[in-house]
C-alpha cells in the first residue's frame, strides 16, 4: 500500500487545488480517499457557489489523483459515473 502522501505529491493536484482542499479540511491522500472525489467536489463547489468549477480540474482530478492517473486517462465510463454522481 502506498504511503500517505501530501496533496501536492498526487497527480493532478497543484497548489491552488490543494489550497481549496485544505479549506474543506483535506490535507492528505488518505483524507481525500476517505471523503472521495464526489464529496470533495461538492464541498468545494459549496464554498464557491458563484464560480464555475471545471469538472476536469476538480472531480476528475481528484479521481485521477487517487488512481495515480492523469485526469484525462481515467476513462469515459468512469467520468460519466462521476458526473452523474454530482447531479
N, C-alpha and C. Protein backbone atom coordinates (compact mmCIF):
# COMPACT_ATOMS: atom_id res chain seq x y z
N UNK A 1 0.85 -1.20 0.00
CA UNK A 1 0.00 0.00 0.00
C UNK A 1 0.88 1.25 0.00
N UNK A 2 0.42 2.25 -0.69
CA UNK A 2 1.20 3.47 -0.80
C UNK A 2 1.20 4.25 0.51
N UNK A 3 2.27 4.94 0.71
CA UNK A 3 2.40 5.82 1.86
C UNK A 3 1.43 6.99 1.72
N UNK A 4 0.92 7.47 2.85
CA UNK A 4 0.02 8.62 2.83
C UNK A 4 0.79 9.84 2.34
N UNK A 5 0.45 10.30 1.13
CA UNK A 5 1.17 11.41 0.52
C UNK A 5 0.45 12.73 0.77
N UNK A 6 1.22 13.80 0.70
CA UNK A 6 0.59 15.12 0.77
C UNK A 6 -0.15 15.35 -0.54
N UNK A 7 -1.04 16.29 -0.54
CA UNK A 7 -1.87 16.53 -1.72
C UNK A 7 -1.06 16.89 -2.95
N UNK A 8 -0.05 17.73 -2.80
CA UNK A 8 0.70 18.16 -3.97
C UNK A 8 1.64 17.08 -4.49
N UNK A 9 1.78 15.98 -3.78
CA UNK A 9 2.54 14.84 -4.29
C UNK A 9 1.70 13.97 -5.22
N UNK A 10 0.40 14.20 -5.23
CA UNK A 10 -0.52 13.42 -6.06
C UNK A 10 -0.61 14.01 -7.46
N UNK A 11 -0.86 13.16 -8.43
CA UNK A 11 -1.08 13.64 -9.80
C UNK A 11 -2.29 14.55 -9.81
N UNK A 12 -2.25 15.55 -10.66
CA UNK A 12 -3.36 16.47 -10.91
C UNK A 12 -3.59 17.51 -9.83
N UNK A 13 -2.87 17.46 -8.72
CA UNK A 13 -3.14 18.36 -7.60
C UNK A 13 -1.99 19.37 -7.49
N UNK A 14 -2.28 20.60 -7.88
CA UNK A 14 -1.31 21.67 -7.72
C UNK A 14 -1.62 22.48 -6.48
N UNK A 15 -0.94 23.57 -6.31
CA UNK A 15 -1.09 24.35 -5.08
C UNK A 15 -2.49 24.97 -4.95
N UNK A 16 -3.09 25.42 -6.05
CA UNK A 16 -4.42 26.02 -5.96
C UNK A 16 -5.47 24.99 -5.52
N UNK A 17 -5.46 23.84 -6.16
CA UNK A 17 -6.44 22.80 -5.80
C UNK A 17 -6.15 22.29 -4.39
N UNK A 18 -4.89 22.13 -4.04
CA UNK A 18 -4.54 21.70 -2.68
C UNK A 18 -5.06 22.70 -1.66
N UNK A 19 -4.93 23.99 -1.96
CA UNK A 19 -5.44 25.03 -1.07
C UNK A 19 -6.94 24.93 -0.88
N UNK A 20 -7.64 24.65 -1.95
CA UNK A 20 -9.10 24.52 -1.84
C UNK A 20 -9.48 23.27 -1.06
N UNK A 21 -8.72 22.20 -1.23
CA UNK A 21 -8.96 21.00 -0.41
C UNK A 21 -8.68 21.30 1.06
N UNK A 22 -7.61 22.05 1.33
CA UNK A 22 -7.30 22.43 2.70
C UNK A 22 -8.46 23.19 3.33
N UNK A 23 -9.10 24.05 2.55
CA UNK A 23 -10.23 24.84 3.06
C UNK A 23 -11.38 23.96 3.55
N UNK A 24 -11.52 22.77 2.98
CA UNK A 24 -12.60 21.87 3.42
C UNK A 24 -12.08 20.79 4.37
N UNK A 25 -10.84 20.96 4.85
CA UNK A 25 -10.31 20.06 5.86
C UNK A 25 -9.56 18.85 5.34
N UNK A 26 -9.17 18.87 4.08
CA UNK A 26 -8.44 17.76 3.47
C UNK A 26 -6.98 18.18 3.29
N UNK A 27 -6.07 17.42 3.90
CA UNK A 27 -4.65 17.76 3.87
C UNK A 27 -3.76 16.62 3.37
N UNK A 28 -4.35 15.44 3.13
CA UNK A 28 -3.52 14.30 2.72
C UNK A 28 -4.30 13.38 1.79
N UNK A 29 -3.57 12.47 1.18
CA UNK A 29 -4.17 11.48 0.28
C UNK A 29 -5.22 10.65 1.02
N UNK A 30 -4.90 10.20 2.23
CA UNK A 30 -5.84 9.38 2.99
C UNK A 30 -7.14 10.12 3.28
N UNK A 31 -7.02 11.40 3.61
CA UNK A 31 -8.22 12.19 3.89
C UNK A 31 -9.07 12.37 2.63
N UNK A 32 -8.42 12.59 1.50
CA UNK A 32 -9.14 12.71 0.23
C UNK A 32 -9.79 11.38 -0.11
N UNK A 33 -9.09 10.30 0.10
CA UNK A 33 -9.64 8.97 -0.20
C UNK A 33 -10.87 8.69 0.66
N UNK A 34 -10.81 9.05 1.94
CA UNK A 34 -11.96 8.83 2.83
C UNK A 34 -13.17 9.63 2.38
N UNK A 35 -12.95 10.88 2.00
CA UNK A 35 -14.05 11.74 1.58
C UNK A 35 -14.56 11.34 0.20
N UNK A 36 -13.64 11.04 -0.69
CA UNK A 36 -14.00 10.66 -2.05
C UNK A 36 -14.07 11.87 -2.98
N UNK A 37 -13.86 11.63 -4.27
CA UNK A 37 -13.83 12.72 -5.23
C UNK A 37 -15.16 13.47 -5.36
N UNK A 38 -16.26 12.78 -5.29
CA UNK A 38 -17.57 13.42 -5.47
C UNK A 38 -17.86 14.37 -4.31
N UNK A 39 -17.68 13.89 -3.09
CA UNK A 39 -17.96 14.74 -1.93
C UNK A 39 -16.99 15.90 -1.85
N UNK A 40 -15.72 15.67 -2.18
CA UNK A 40 -14.75 16.77 -2.18
C UNK A 40 -15.18 17.85 -3.17
N UNK A 41 -15.61 17.44 -4.35
CA UNK A 41 -16.08 18.39 -5.37
C UNK A 41 -17.28 19.16 -4.85
N UNK A 42 -18.23 18.46 -4.23
CA UNK A 42 -19.44 19.12 -3.70
C UNK A 42 -19.09 20.18 -2.65
N UNK A 43 -18.19 19.84 -1.74
CA UNK A 43 -17.83 20.77 -0.67
C UNK A 43 -17.11 22.00 -1.21
N UNK A 44 -16.22 21.79 -2.17
CA UNK A 44 -15.53 22.94 -2.77
C UNK A 44 -16.52 23.80 -3.53
N UNK A 45 -17.41 23.18 -4.27
CA UNK A 45 -18.44 23.93 -5.01
C UNK A 45 -19.30 24.74 -4.04
N UNK A 46 -19.61 24.18 -2.88
CA UNK A 46 -20.41 24.91 -1.88
C UNK A 46 -19.65 26.12 -1.36
N UNK A 47 -18.34 26.04 -1.29
CA UNK A 47 -17.51 27.17 -0.84
C UNK A 47 -17.41 28.26 -1.90
N UNK A 48 -17.64 27.91 -3.15
CA UNK A 48 -17.51 28.85 -4.27
C UNK A 48 -18.76 28.78 -5.15
N UNK A 49 -19.93 29.13 -4.60
CA UNK A 49 -21.18 28.95 -5.34
C UNK A 49 -21.29 29.79 -6.62
N UNK A 50 -20.57 30.87 -6.70
CA UNK A 50 -20.66 31.73 -7.88
C UNK A 50 -19.55 31.48 -8.89
N UNK A 51 -18.77 30.46 -8.65
CA UNK A 51 -17.64 30.17 -9.54
C UNK A 51 -17.91 28.86 -10.29
N UNK A 52 -17.62 28.86 -11.57
CA UNK A 52 -17.72 27.63 -12.35
C UNK A 52 -16.47 26.79 -12.08
N UNK A 53 -16.69 25.58 -11.62
CA UNK A 53 -15.56 24.68 -11.34
C UNK A 53 -15.51 23.61 -12.42
N UNK A 54 -14.58 23.73 -13.35
CA UNK A 54 -14.49 22.71 -14.41
C UNK A 54 -14.31 21.31 -13.80
N UNK A 55 -15.10 20.38 -14.30
CA UNK A 55 -15.03 19.02 -13.77
C UNK A 55 -13.63 18.44 -13.87
N UNK A 56 -12.92 18.76 -14.95
CA UNK A 56 -11.59 18.19 -15.12
C UNK A 56 -10.62 18.70 -14.06
N UNK A 57 -10.82 19.94 -13.57
CA UNK A 57 -9.90 20.49 -12.58
C UNK A 57 -10.17 19.96 -11.19
N UNK A 58 -11.37 19.53 -10.92
CA UNK A 58 -11.70 19.10 -9.57
C UNK A 58 -12.13 17.64 -9.54
N UNK A 59 -13.32 17.35 -9.95
CA UNK A 59 -13.85 15.99 -9.83
C UNK A 59 -12.94 14.95 -10.49
N UNK A 60 -12.60 15.16 -11.75
CA UNK A 60 -11.76 14.19 -12.45
C UNK A 60 -10.33 14.19 -11.91
N UNK A 61 -9.85 15.36 -11.52
CA UNK A 61 -8.50 15.43 -10.96
C UNK A 61 -8.40 14.65 -9.66
N UNK A 62 -9.45 14.75 -8.82
CA UNK A 62 -9.43 14.01 -7.56
C UNK A 62 -9.44 12.51 -7.81
N UNK A 63 -10.28 12.07 -8.73
CA UNK A 63 -10.33 10.65 -9.08
C UNK A 63 -8.98 10.20 -9.62
N UNK A 64 -8.42 10.96 -10.54
CA UNK A 64 -7.11 10.60 -11.09
C UNK A 64 -6.03 10.59 -10.03
N UNK A 65 -6.08 11.54 -9.12
CA UNK A 65 -5.08 11.59 -8.04
C UNK A 65 -5.13 10.32 -7.20
N UNK A 66 -6.32 9.84 -6.93
CA UNK A 66 -6.47 8.64 -6.10
C UNK A 66 -6.13 7.35 -6.86
N UNK A 67 -6.18 7.42 -8.19
CA UNK A 67 -5.83 6.26 -9.03
C UNK A 67 -4.43 6.36 -9.61
N UNK A 68 -3.74 7.45 -9.29
CA UNK A 68 -2.40 7.72 -9.81
C UNK A 68 -2.39 7.80 -11.34
N UNK A 69 -3.39 8.52 -11.87
CA UNK A 69 -3.52 8.72 -13.31
C UNK A 69 -3.78 10.19 -13.60
N UNK A 70 -3.37 10.62 -14.78
CA UNK A 70 -3.77 11.95 -15.25
C UNK A 70 -5.29 11.93 -15.37
N UNK A 71 -5.93 13.05 -15.08
CA UNK A 71 -7.40 13.08 -15.09
C UNK A 71 -7.99 12.66 -16.42
N UNK A 72 -7.28 12.91 -17.50
CA UNK A 72 -7.81 12.57 -18.82
C UNK A 72 -7.71 11.08 -19.13
N UNK A 73 -6.98 10.34 -18.29
CA UNK A 73 -6.78 8.90 -18.51
C UNK A 73 -7.69 8.02 -17.66
N UNK A 74 -8.66 8.62 -16.95
CA UNK A 74 -9.49 7.78 -16.08
C UNK A 74 -10.59 7.05 -16.83
N UNK A 75 -10.80 7.38 -18.07
CA UNK A 75 -11.77 6.65 -18.89
C UNK A 75 -13.12 7.32 -18.96
N UNK A 76 -13.73 7.22 -20.12
CA UNK A 76 -15.01 7.87 -20.37
C UNK A 76 -16.11 7.34 -19.46
N UNK A 77 -16.18 6.03 -19.27
CA UNK A 77 -17.23 5.46 -18.43
C UNK A 77 -17.13 5.97 -17.00
N UNK A 78 -15.92 5.99 -16.45
CA UNK A 78 -15.75 6.47 -15.08
C UNK A 78 -16.09 7.96 -14.98
N UNK A 79 -15.70 8.73 -15.97
CA UNK A 79 -16.04 10.16 -15.97
C UNK A 79 -17.55 10.34 -15.96
N UNK A 80 -18.26 9.54 -16.74
CA UNK A 80 -19.72 9.64 -16.79
C UNK A 80 -20.32 9.26 -15.44
N UNK A 81 -19.78 8.23 -14.80
CA UNK A 81 -20.28 7.83 -13.47
C UNK A 81 -20.07 8.96 -12.47
N UNK A 82 -18.90 9.55 -12.48
CA UNK A 82 -18.60 10.64 -11.56
C UNK A 82 -19.51 11.84 -11.79
N UNK A 83 -19.66 12.21 -13.06
CA UNK A 83 -20.50 13.34 -13.41
C UNK A 83 -21.94 13.10 -12.97
N UNK A 84 -22.45 11.90 -13.18
CA UNK A 84 -23.81 11.56 -12.77
C UNK A 84 -23.96 11.63 -11.25
N UNK A 85 -22.91 11.34 -10.53
CA UNK A 85 -22.95 11.34 -9.06
C UNK A 85 -23.08 12.73 -8.46
N UNK A 86 -22.65 13.75 -9.20
CA UNK A 86 -22.71 15.10 -8.62
C UNK A 86 -24.02 15.82 -8.93
N UNK A 87 -24.81 15.25 -9.81
CA UNK A 87 -26.07 15.89 -10.20
C UNK A 87 -27.15 15.63 -9.16
